[in-house]
Amino acid sequence: MGIYDFSELPEVVWVKIMCSLNTADRFRVSCTCRMLNHIFYHPTIWSKATICMLSEDRLKKILPVTITKKPVQLTRKFGSYFQDLTLRLIGFIQVIPKLFFLMV
């Protein structure tokens, strides 16, 4: 049994693999080599996305959800590719005025 060179897989296979990963894992995989970093930006991978924002539960109660820079940056970078975007908000929503204007 020989060693298989996975870099020889067609791009369509890598796109399918990346589509099955969550956003954090996609990013980690994209850091491994240039080819996978290129595939990370493929429009098909970003056609469906879920952005989950949770309130912090420090005091055993639901605190406001704060929209941080990370989802805003993700939306700016890949927003034109989204065909199906789900925002999952758990807790009360509190918009930071500066970030709200960045989103518009």
PDB file of N, CA and C in Angstrom:
ATOM      1  N   MET A   1       0.852  -1.170   0.000  1.00  0.00           N
ATOM      2  CA  MET A   1       0.000   0.000   0.000  1.00  0.00           C
ATOM      3  C   MET A   1       0.901   1.238   0.000  1.00  0.00           C
ATOM      4  N   GLY A   2       0.717   2.101  -0.972  1.00  0.00           N
ATOM      5  CA  GLY A   2       1.538   3.296  -1.085  1.00  0.00           C
ATOM      6  C   GLY A   2       0.920   4.483  -0.366  1.00  0.00           C
ATOM      7  N   ILE A   3       1.679   5.536  -0.313  1.00  0.00           N
ATOM      8  CA  ILE A   3       1.200   6.780   0.289  1.00  0.00           C
ATOM      9  C   ILE A   3       0.472   7.571  -0.782  1.00  0.00           C
ATOM     10  N   TYR A   4      -0.727   8.031  -0.456  1.00  0.00           N
ATOM     11  CA  TYR A   4      -1.517   8.785  -1.424  1.00  0.00           C
ATOM     12  C   TYR A   4      -1.275  10.277  -1.233  1.00  0.00           C
ATOM     13  N   ASP A   5      -1.068  10.986  -2.326  1.00  0.00           N
ATOM     14  CA  ASP A   5      -0.870  12.435  -2.296  1.00  0.00           C
ATOM     15  C   ASP A   5      -2.240  13.105  -2.434  1.00  0.00           C
ATOM     16  N   PHE A   6      -2.775  13.595  -1.321  1.00  0.00           N
ATOM     17  CA  PHE A   6      -4.109  14.190  -1.319  1.00  0.00           C
ATOM     18  C   PHE A   6      -4.179  15.486  -2.119  1.00  0.00           C
ATOM     19  N   SER A   7      -3.047  16.097  -2.393  1.00  0.00           N
ATOM     20  CA  SER A   7      -3.057  17.327  -3.188  1.00  0.00           C
ATOM     21  C   SER A   7      -3.472  17.050  -4.633  1.00  0.00           C
ATOM     22  N   GLU A   8      -3.481  15.792  -5.017  1.00  0.00           N
ATOM     23  CA  GLU A   8      -3.892  15.430  -6.374  1.00  0.00           C
ATOM     24  C   GLU A   8      -5.406  15.279  -6.520  1.00  0.00           C
ATOM     25  N   LEU A   9      -6.130  15.387  -5.408  1.00  0.00           N
ATOM     26  CA  LEU A   9      -7.592  15.321  -5.497  1.00  0.00           C
ATOM     27  C   LEU A   9      -8.108  16.522  -6.283  1.00  0.00           C
ATOM     28  N   PRO A  10      -9.154  16.334  -7.073  1.00  0.00           N
ATOM     29  CA  PRO A  10      -9.716  17.463  -7.825  1.00  0.00           C
ATOM     30  C   PRO A  10     -10.295  18.524  -6.882  1.00  0.00           C
ATOM     31  N   GLU A  11     -10.328  19.752  -7.358  1.00  0.00           N
ATOM     32  CA  GLU A  11     -10.838  20.867  -6.550  1.00  0.00           C
ATOM     33  C   GLU A  11     -12.264  20.620  -6.085  1.00  0.00           C
ATOM     34  N   VAL A  12     -13.077  20.005  -6.929  1.00  0.00           N
ATOM     35  CA  VAL A  12     -14.478  19.759  -6.573  1.00  0.00           C
ATOM     36  C   VAL A  12     -14.586  18.867  -5.327  1.00  0.00           C
ATOM     37  N   VAL A  13     -13.660  17.949  -5.153  1.00  0.00           N
ATOM     38  CA  VAL A  13     -13.658  17.081  -3.969  1.00  0.00           C
ATOM     39  C   VAL A  13     -13.309  17.901  -2.728  1.00  0.00           C
ATOM     40  N   TRP A  14     -12.307  18.771  -2.847  1.00  0.00           N
ATOM     41  CA  TRP A  14     -11.929  19.614  -1.710  1.00  0.00           C
ATOM     42  C   TRP A  14     -13.050  20.575  -1.333  1.00  0.00           C
ATOM     43  N   VAL A  15     -13.766  21.079  -2.332  1.00  0.00           N
ATOM     44  CA  VAL A  15     -14.900  21.967  -2.049  1.00  0.00           C
ATOM     45  C   VAL A  15     -15.966  21.207  -1.267  1.00  0.00           C
ATOM     46  N   LYS A  16     -16.256  19.979  -1.665  1.00  0.00           N
ATOM     47  CA  LYS A  16     -17.242  19.155  -0.937  1.00  0.00           C
ATOM     48  C   LYS A  16     -16.793  18.917   0.503  1.00  0.00           C
ATOM     49  N   ILE A  17     -15.519  18.632   0.680  1.00  0.00           N
ATOM     50  CA  ILE A  17     -14.988  18.402   2.027  1.00  0.00           C
ATOM     51  C   ILE A  17     -15.121  19.669   2.867  1.00  0.00           C
ATOM     52  N   MET A  18     -14.727  20.809   2.303  1.00  0.00           N
ATOM     53  CA  MET A  18     -14.798  22.077   3.042  1.00  0.00           C
ATOM     54  C   MET A  18     -16.243  22.449   3.375  1.00  0.00           C
ATOM     55  N   CYS A  19     -17.177  22.130   2.487  1.00  0.00           N
ATOM     56  CA  CYS A  19     -18.592  22.437   2.740  1.00  0.00           C
ATOM     57  C   CYS A  19     -19.130  21.671   3.944  1.00  0.00           C
ATOM     58  N   SER A  20     -18.550  20.525   4.217  1.00  0.00           N
ATOM     59  CA  SER A  20     -19.041  19.715   5.332  1.00  0.00           C
ATOM     60  C   SER A  20     -18.473  20.163   6.683  1.00  0.00           C
ATOM     61  N   LEU A  21     -17.523  21.096   6.669  1.00  0.00           N
ATOM     62  CA  LEU A  21     -16.897  21.566   7.908  1.00  0.00           C
ATOM     63  C   LEU A  21     -17.571  22.832   8.423  1.00  0.00           C
ATOM     64  N   ASN A  22     -17.470  23.062   9.729  1.00  0.00           N
ATOM     65  CA  ASN A  22     -17.963  24.326  10.268  1.00  0.00           C
ATOM     66  C   ASN A  22     -16.944  25.426   9.963  1.00  0.00           C
ATOM     67  N   THR A  23     -17.315  26.657  10.217  1.00  0.00           N
ATOM     68  CA  THR A  23     -16.479  27.801   9.844  1.00  0.00           C
ATOM     69  C   THR A  23     -15.097  27.750  10.483  1.00  0.00           C
ATOM     70  N   ALA A  24     -15.033  27.420  11.756  1.00  0.00           N
ATOM     71  CA  ALA A  24     -13.739  27.377  12.449  1.00  0.00           C
ATOM     72  C   ALA A  24     -12.828  26.308  11.844  1.00  0.00           C
ATOM     73  N   ASP A  25     -13.391  25.139  11.550  1.00  0.00           N
ATOM     74  CA  ASP A  25     -12.584  24.071  10.954  1.00  0.00           C
ATOM     75  C   ASP A  25     -12.160  24.414   9.526  1.00  0.00           C
ATOM     76  N   ARG A  26     -13.041  25.091   8.784  1.00  0.00           N
ATOM     77  CA  ARG A  26     -12.660  25.538   7.433  1.00  0.00           C
ATOM     78  C   ARG A  26     -11.432  26.434   7.505  1.00  0.00           C
ATOM     79  N   PHE A  27     -11.466  27.351   8.455  1.00  0.00           N
ATOM     80  CA  PHE A  27     -10.338  28.272   8.598  1.00  0.00           C
ATOM     81  C   PHE A  27      -9.060  27.511   8.950  1.00  0.00           C
ATOM     82  N   ARG A  28      -9.162  26.580   9.892  1.00  0.00           N
ATOM     83  CA  ARG A  28      -7.973  25.810  10.300  1.00  0.00           C
ATOM     84  C   ARG A  28      -7.395  25.023   9.124  1.00  0.00           C
ATOM     85  N   VAL A  29      -8.270  24.393   8.349  1.00  0.00           N
ATOM     86  CA  VAL A  29      -7.809  23.624   7.189  1.00  0.00           C
ATOM     87  C   VAL A  29      -7.158  24.553   6.164  1.00  0.00           C
ATOM     88  N   SER A  30      -7.722  25.745   5.996  1.00  0.00           N
ATOM     89  CA  SER A  30      -7.184  26.677   4.997  1.00  0.00           C
ATOM     90  C   SER A  30      -5.784  27.171   5.348  1.00  0.00           C
ATOM     91  N   CYS A  31      -5.409  27.051   6.601  1.00  0.00           N
ATOM     92  CA  CYS A  31      -4.073  27.489   7.037  1.00  0.00           C
ATOM     93  C   CYS A  31      -2.992  26.450   6.772  1.00  0.00           C
ATOM     94  N   THR A  32      -3.365  25.280   6.292  1.00  0.00           N
ATOM     95  CA  THR A  32      -2.384  24.210   6.128  1.00  0.00           C
ATOM     96  C   THR A  32      -1.559  24.313   4.848  1.00  0.00           C
ATOM     97  N   CYS A  33      -2.146  24.862   3.785  1.00  0.00           N
ATOM     98  CA  CYS A  33      -1.381  25.011   2.543  1.00  0.00           C
ATOM     99  C   CYS A  33      -2.065  26.026   1.628  1.00  0.00           C
ATOM    100  N   ARG A  34      -1.354  26.459   0.610  1.00  0.00           N
ATOM    101  CA  ARG A  34      -1.885  27.473  -0.310  1.00  0.00           C
ATOM    102  C   ARG A  34      -3.100  26.977  -1.080  1.00  0.00           C
ATOM    103  N   MET A  35      -3.061  25.730  -1.508  1.00  0.00           N
ATOM    104  CA  MET A  35      -4.175  25.189  -2.285  1.00  0.00           C
ATOM    105  C   MET A  35      -5.471  25.225  -1.465  1.00  0.00           C
ATOM    106  N   LEU A  36      -5.405  24.799  -0.209  1.00  0.00           N
ATOM    107  CA  LEU A  36      -6.600  24.794   0.629  1.00  0.00           C
ATOM    108  C   LEU A  36      -7.012  26.205   1.026  1.00  0.00           C
ATOM    109  N   ASN A  37      -6.054  27.112   1.116  1.00  0.00           N
ATOM    110  CA  ASN A  37      -6.395  28.505   1.372  1.00  0.00           C
ATOM    111  C   ASN A  37      -7.159  29.077   0.183  1.00  0.00           C
ATOM    112  N   HIS A  38      -6.755  28.717  -1.013  1.00  0.00           N
ATOM    113  CA  HIS A  38      -7.458  29.150  -2.227  1.00  0.00           C
ATOM    114  C   HIS A  38      -8.887  28.593  -2.239  1.00  0.00           C
ATOM    115  N   ILE A  39      -9.041  27.341  -1.877  1.00  0.00           N
ATOM    116  CA  ILE A  39     -10.359  26.701  -1.871  1.00  0.00           C
ATOM    117  C   ILE A  39     -11.256  27.302  -0.788  1.00  0.00           C
ATOM    118  N   PHE A  40     -10.666  27.789   0.294  1.00  0.00           N
ATOM    119  CA  PHE A  40     -11.417  28.437   1.377  1.00  0.00           C
ATOM    120  C   PHE A  40     -12.264  29.594   0.847  1.00  0.00           C
ATOM    121  N   TYR A  41     -11.811  30.250  -0.203  1.00  0.00           N
ATOM    122  CA  TYR A  41     -12.519  31.399  -0.771  1.00  0.00           C
ATOM    123  C   TYR A  41     -13.448  31.021  -1.924  1.00  0.00           C
ATOM    124  N   HIS A  42     -13.648  29.748  -2.159  1.00  0.00           N
ATOM    125  CA  HIS A  42     -14.527  29.301  -3.240  1.00  0.00           C
ATOM    126  C   HIS A  42     -15.976  29.688  -2.909  1.00  0.00           C
ATOM    127  N   PRO A  43     -16.702  30.311  -3.844  1.00  0.00           N
ATOM    128  CA  PRO A  43     -18.071  30.768  -3.567  1.00  0.00           C
ATOM    129  C   PRO A  43     -19.027  29.671  -3.103  1.00  0.00           C
ATOM    130  N   THR A  44     -18.852  28.463  -3.584  1.00  0.00           N
ATOM    131  CA  THR A  44     -19.746  27.368  -3.203  1.00  0.00           C
ATOM    132  C   THR A  44     -19.695  27.095  -1.704  1.00  0.00           C
ATOM    133  N   ILE A  45     -18.528  27.236  -1.116  1.00  0.00           N
ATOM    134  CA  ILE A  45     -18.364  26.962   0.312  1.00  0.00           C
ATOM    135  C   ILE A  45     -19.172  27.941   1.151  1.00  0.00           C
ATOM    136  N   TRP A  46     -19.352  29.151   0.656  1.00  0.00           N
ATOM    137  CA  TRP A  46     -20.018  30.195   1.428  1.00  0.00           C
ATOM    138  C   TRP A  46     -21.453  30.443   0.983  1.00  0.00           C
ATOM    139  N   SER A  47     -22.024  29.558   0.162  1.00  0.00           N
ATOM    140  CA  SER A  47     -23.401  29.770  -0.274  1.00  0.00           C
ATOM    141  C   SER A  47     -24.395  29.555   0.867  1.00  0.00           C
ATOM    142  N   LYS A  48     -24.020  28.749   1.856  1.00  0.00           N
ATOM    143  CA  LYS A  48     -24.876  28.511   3.017  1.00  0.00           C
ATOM    144  C   LYS A  48     -24.038  28.718   4.271  1.00  0.00           C
ATOM    145  N   ALA A  49     -24.533  29.554   5.179  1.00  0.00           N
ATOM    146  CA  ALA A  49     -23.762  29.836   6.389  1.00  0.00           C
ATOM    147  C   ALA A  49     -24.690  30.047   7.577  1.00  0.00           C
ATOM    148  N   THR A  50     -24.198  29.702   8.747  1.00  0.00           N
ATOM    149  CA  THR A  50     -24.902  29.961   9.998  1.00  0.00           C
ATOM    150  C   THR A  50     -23.956  30.732  10.902  1.00  0.00           C
ATOM    151  N   ILE A  51     -24.409  31.881  11.350  1.00  0.00           N
ATOM    152  CA  ILE A  51     -23.636  32.679  12.295  1.00  0.00           C
ATOM    153  C   ILE A  51     -24.364  32.603  13.625  1.00  0.00           C
ATOM    154  N   CYS A  52     -23.681  32.095  14.624  1.00  0.00           N
ATOM    155  CA  CYS A  52     -24.283  31.896  15.936  1.00  0.00           C
ATOM    156  C   CYS A  52     -23.660  32.873  16.923  1.00  0.00           C
ATOM    157  N   MET A  53     -24.511  33.621  17.597  1.00  0.00           N
ATOM    158  CA  MET A  53     -24.043  34.560  18.614  1.00  0.00           C
ATOM    159  C   MET A  53     -24.774  34.259  19.913  1.00  0.00           C
ATOM    160  N   LEU A  54     -24.011  34.002  20.952  1.00  0.00           N
ATOM    161  CA  LEU A  54     -24.578  33.643  22.249  1.00  0.00           C
ATOM    162  C   LEU A  54     -24.272  34.721  23.273  1.00  0.00           C
ATOM    163  N   SER A  55     -25.198  34.902  24.188  1.00  0.00           N
ATOM    164  CA  SER A  55     -24.897  35.806  25.295  1.00  0.00           C
ATOM    165  C   SER A  55     -24.011  35.062  26.282  1.00  0.00           C
ATOM    166  N   GLU A  56     -23.222  35.800  27.015  1.00  0.00           N
ATOM    167  CA  GLU A  56     -22.370  35.183  28.022  1.00  0.00           C
ATOM    168  C   GLU A  56     -23.208  34.864  29.248  1.00  0.00           C
ATOM    169  N   ASP A  57     -22.948  33.736  29.843  1.00  0.00           N
ATOM    170  CA  ASP A  57     -23.750  33.280  30.973  1.00  0.00           C
ATOM    171  C   ASP A  57     -22.883  33.232  32.230  1.00  0.00           C
ATOM    172  N   ARG A  58     -22.326  34.358  32.607  1.00  0.00           N
ATOM    173  CA  ARG A  58     -21.428  34.398  33.764  1.00  0.00           C
ATOM    174  C   ARG A  58     -22.170  34.274  35.085  1.00  0.00           C
ATOM    175  N   LEU A  59     -23.321  34.892  35.167  1.00  0.00           N
ATOM    176  CA  LEU A  59     -24.042  34.945  36.438  1.00  0.00           C
ATOM    177  C   LEU A  59     -25.283  34.055  36.424  1.00  0.00           C
ATOM    178  N   LYS A  60     -25.261  33.013  35.604  1.00  0.00           N
ATOM    179  CA  LYS A  60     -26.379  32.076  35.495  1.00  0.00           C
ATOM    180  C   LYS A  60     -27.666  32.768  35.053  1.00  0.00           C
ATOM    181  N   LYS A  61     -27.518  33.826  34.290  1.00  0.00           N
ATOM    182  CA  LYS A  61     -28.682  34.476  33.703  1.00  0.00           C
ATOM    183  C   LYS A  61     -28.325  34.887  32.280  1.00  0.00           C
ATOM    184  N   ILE A  62     -29.314  35.122  31.487  1.00  0.00           N
ATOM    185  CA  ILE A  62     -29.063  35.482  30.090  1.00  0.00           C
ATOM    186  C   ILE A  62     -28.691  36.956  30.021  1.00  0.00           C
ATOM    187  N   LEU A  63     -27.524  37.219  29.489  1.00  0.00           N
ATOM    188  CA  LEU A  63     -27.045  38.582  29.315  1.00  0.00           C
ATOM    189  C   LEU A  63     -27.200  38.969  27.846  1.00  0.00           C
ATOM    190  N   PRO A  64     -27.087  40.244  27.527  1.00  0.00           N
ATOM    191  CA  PRO A  64     -27.273  40.660  26.128  1.00  0.00           C
ATOM    192  C   PRO A  64     -26.269  40.018  25.169  1.00  0.00           C
ATOM    193  N   VAL A  65     -26.748  39.698  23.979  1.00  0.00           N
ATOM    194  CA  VAL A  65     -25.874  39.240  22.899  1.00  0.00           C
ATOM    195  C   VAL A  65     -25.247  40.484  22.294  1.00  0.00           C
ATOM    196  N   THR A  66     -23.958  40.496  22.183  1.00  0.00           N
ATOM    197  CA  THR A  66     -23.258  41.627  21.595  1.00  0.00           C
ATOM    198  C   THR A  66     -22.755  41.215  20.217  1.00  0.00           C
ATOM    199  N   ILE A  67     -23.060  42.008  19.223  1.00  0.00           N
ATOM    200  CA  ILE A  67     -22.589  41.710  17.875  1.00  0.00           C
ATOM    201  C   ILE A  67     -21.139  42.166  17.793  1.00  0.00           C
ATOM    202  N   THR A  68     -20.243  41.202  17.708  1.00  0.00           N
ATOM    203  CA  THR A  68     -18.817  41.499  17.701  1.00  0.00           C
ATOM    204  C   THR A  68     -18.317  41.709  16.271  1.00  0.00           C
ATOM    205  N   LYS A  69     -17.046  42.003  16.144  1.00  0.00           N
ATOM    206  CA  LYS A  69     -16.463  42.268  14.826  1.00  0.00           C
ATOM    207  C   LYS A  69     -16.398  41.023  13.948  1.00  0.00           C
ATOM    208  N   LYS A  70     -16.235  39.844  14.554  1.00  0.00           N
ATOM    209  CA  LYS A  70     -16.025  38.623  13.773  1.00  0.00           C
ATOM    210  C   LYS A  70     -17.178  38.334  12.797  1.00  0.00           C
ATOM    211  N   PRO A  71     -18.453  38.314  13.249  1.00  0.00           N
ATOM    212  CA  PRO A  71     -19.533  38.076  12.284  1.00  0.00           C
ATOM    213  C   PRO A  71     -19.651  39.182  11.239  1.00  0.00           C
ATOM    214  N   VAL A  72     -19.340  40.405  11.632  1.00  0.00           N
ATOM    215  CA  VAL A  72     -19.396  41.522  10.688  1.00  0.00           C
ATOM    216  C   VAL A  72     -18.334  41.337   9.609  1.00  0.00           C
ATOM    217  N   GLN A  73     -17.124  40.960  10.018  1.00  0.00           N
ATOM    218  CA  GLN A  73     -16.046  40.733   9.052  1.00  0.00           C
ATOM    219  C   GLN A  73     -16.376  39.563   8.131  1.00  0.00           C
ATOM    220  N   LEU A  74     -16.923  38.500   8.689  1.00  0.00           N
ATOM    221  CA  LEU A  74     -17.305  37.335   7.895  1.00  0.00           C
ATOM    222  C   LEU A  74     -18.355  37.715   6.856  1.00  0.00           C
ATOM    223  N   THR A  75     -19.330  38.500   7.269  1.00  0.00           N
ATOM    224  CA  THR A  75     -20.391  38.919   6.358  1.00  0.00           C
ATOM    225  C   THR A  75     -19.855  39.847   5.277  1.00  0.00           C
ATOM    226  N   ARG A  76     -18.963  40.739   5.645  1.00  0.00           N
ATOM    227  CA  ARG A  76     -18.375  41.632   4.641  1.00  0.00           C
ATOM    228  C   ARG A  76     -17.571  40.863   3.597  1.00  0.00           C
ATOM    229  N   LYS A  77     -16.803  39.891   4.056  1.00  0.00           N
ATOM    230  CA  LYS A  77     -15.906  39.171   3.156  1.00  0.00           C
ATOM    231  C   LYS A  77     -16.659  38.206   2.238  1.00  0.00           C
ATOM    232  N   PHE A  78     -17.641  37.482   2.788  1.00  0.00           N
ATOM    233  CA  PHE A  78     -18.301  36.432   2.024  1.00  0.00           C
ATOM    234  C   PHE A  78     -19.785  36.694   1.780  1.00  0.00           C
ATOM    235  N   GLY A  79     -20.280  37.843   2.189  1.00  0.00           N
ATOM    236  CA  GLY A  79     -21.707  38.151   2.090  1.00  0.00           C
ATOM    237  C   GLY A  79     -22.280  38.048   0.692  1.00  0.00           C
ATOM    238  N   SER A  80     -21.501  38.398  -0.305  1.00  0.00           N
ATOM    239  CA  SER A  80     -22.012  38.333  -1.679  1.00  0.00           C
ATOM    240  C   SER A  80     -22.215  36.891  -2.145  1.00  0.00           C
ATOM    241  N   TYR A  81     -21.604  35.926  -1.465  1.00  0.00           N
ATOM    242  CA  TYR A  81     -21.756  34.516  -1.827  1.00  0.00           C
ATOM    243  C   TYR A  81     -22.943  33.854  -1.136  1.00  0.00           C
ATOM    244  N   PHE A  82     -23.413  34.438  -0.026  1.00  0.00           N
ATOM    245  CA  PHE A  82     -24.475  33.804   0.753  1.00  0.00           C
ATOM    246  C   PHE A  82     -25.756  33.679  -0.065  1.00  0.00           C
ATOM    247  N   GLN A  83     -26.291  32.476  -0.106  1.00  0.00           N
ATOM    248  CA  GLN A  83     -27.610  32.247  -0.679  1.00  0.00           C
ATOM    249  C   GLN A  83     -28.585  31.869   0.425  1.00  0.00           C
ATOM    250  N   ASP A  84     -28.049  31.302   1.493  1.00  0.00           N
ATOM    251  CA  ASP A  84     -28.858  30.873   2.631  1.00  0.00           C
ATOM    252  C   ASP A  84     -28.082  31.218   3.901  1.00  0.00           C
ATOM    253  N   LEU A  85     -28.472  32.299   4.558  1.00  0.00           N
ATOM    254  CA  LEU A  85     -27.780  32.751   5.761  1.00  0.00           C
ATOM    255  C   LEU A  85     -28.715  32.629   6.953  1.00  0.00           C
ATOM    256  N   THR A  86     -28.254  31.949   7.991  1.00  0.00           N
ATOM    257  CA  THR A  86     -29.022  31.797   9.219  1.00  0.00           C
ATOM    258  C   THR A  86     -28.278  32.507  10.335  1.00  0.00           C
ATOM    259  N   LEU A  87     -28.970  33.403  11.023  1.00  0.00           N
ATOM    260  CA  LEU A  87     -28.409  34.049  12.209  1.00  0.00           C
ATOM    261  C   LEU A  87     -29.074  33.425  13.417  1.00  0.00           C
ATOM    262  N   ARG A  88     -28.286  32.831  14.275  1.00  0.00           N
ATOM    263  CA  ARG A  88     -28.812  32.199  15.477  1.00  0.00           C
ATOM    264  C   ARG A  88     -28.399  33.061  16.664  1.00  0.00           C
ATOM    265  N   LEU A  89     -29.377  33.734  17.259  1.00  0.00           N
ATOM    266  CA  LEU A  89     -29.124  34.620  18.393  1.00  0.00           C
ATOM    267  C   LEU A  89     -29.759  34.011  19.634  1.00  0.00           C
ATOM    268  N   ILE A  90     -28.965  33.820  20.657  1.00  0.00           N
ATOM    269  CA  ILE A  90     -29.483  33.274  21.908  1.00  0.00           C
ATOM    270  C   ILE A  90     -29.201  34.297  22.996  1.00  0.00           C
ATOM    271  N   GLY A  91     -30.244  34.850  23.561  1.00  0.00           N
ATOM    272  CA  GLY A  91     -30.118  35.900  24.561  1.00  0.00           C
ATOM    273  C   GLY A  91     -30.755  37.175  24.042  1.00  0.00           C
ATOM    274  N   PHE A  92     -30.563  38.251  24.742  1.00  0.00           N
ATOM    275  CA  PHE A  92     -31.072  39.542  24.317  1.00  0.00           C
ATOM    276  C   PHE A  92     -30.064  40.191  23.389  1.00  0.00           C
ATOM    277  N   ILE A  93     -30.550  40.944  22.421  1.00  0.00           N
ATOM    278  CA  ILE A  93     -29.657  41.582  21.457  1.00  0.00           C
ATOM    279  C   ILE A  93     -29.297  42.980  21.935  1.00  0.00           C
ATOM    280  N   GLN A  94     -28.011  43.261  21.917  1.00  0.00           N
ATOM    281  CA  GLN A  94     -27.510  44.587  22.250  1.00  0.00           C
ATOM    282  C   GLN A  94     -26.542  44.972  21.140  1.00  0.00           C
ATOM    283  N   VAL A  95     -26.892  45.968  20.354  1.00  0.00           N
ATOM    284  CA  VAL A  95     -26.045  46.380  19.241  1.00  0.00           C
ATOM    285  C   VAL A  95     -25.127  47.489  19.713  1.00  0.00           C
ATOM    286  N   ILE A  96     -23.840  47.314  19.469  1.00  0.00           N
ATOM    287  CA  ILE A  96     -22.870  48.354  19.773  1.00  0.00           C
ATOM    288  C   ILE A  96     -22.982  49.389  18.652  1.00  0.00           C
ATOM    289  N   PRO A  97     -23.245  50.656  18.970  1.00  0.00           N
ATOM    290  CA  PRO A  97     -23.499  51.653  17.922  1.00  0.00           C
ATOM    291  C   PRO A  97     -22.444  51.708  16.822  1.00  0.00           C
ATOM    292  N   LYS A  98     -21.169  51.655  17.152  1.00  0.00           N
ATOM    293  CA  LYS A  98     -20.125  51.732  16.131  1.00  0.00           C
ATOM    294  C   LYS A  98     -20.235  50.570  15.159  1.00  0.00           C
ATOM    295  N   LEU A  99     -20.428  49.356  15.674  1.00  0.00           N
ATOM    296  CA  LEU A  99     -20.515  48.186  14.811  1.00  0.00           C
ATOM    297  C   LEU A  99     -21.795  48.193  13.995  1.00  0.00           C
ATOM    298  N   PHE A 100     -22.878  48.730  14.550  1.00  0.00           N
ATOM    299  CA  PHE A 100     -24.131  48.785  13.815  1.00  0.00           C
ATOM    300  C   PHE A 100     -23.950  49.596  12.541  1.00  0.00           C
ATOM    301  N   PHE A 101     -23.250  50.703  12.634  1.00  0.00           N
ATOM    302  CA  PHE A 101     -23.044  51.530  11.455  1.00  0.00           C
ATOM    303  C   PHE A 101     -22.084  50.881  10.468  1.00  0.00           C
ATOM    304  N   LEU A 102     -21.189  50.024  10.952  1.00  0.00           N
ATOM    305  CA  LEU A 102     -20.296  49.299  10.054  1.00  0.00           C
ATOM    306  C   LEU A 102     -21.053  48.262   9.240  1.00  0.00           C
ATOM    307  N   MET A 103     -22.147  47.747   9.798  1.00  0.00           N
ATOM    308  CA  MET A 103     -22.912  46.707   9.122  1.00  0.00           C
ATOM    309  C   MET A 103     -23.760  47.276   7.993  1.00  0.00           C
ATOM    310  N   VAL A 104     -24.170  48.515   8.098  1.00  0.00           N
ATOM    311  CA  VAL A 104     -25.082  49.112   7.120  1.00  0.00           C
ATOM    312  C   VAL A 104     -24.374  49.414   5.826  1.00  0.00           C
TER     313      VAL A 104
END
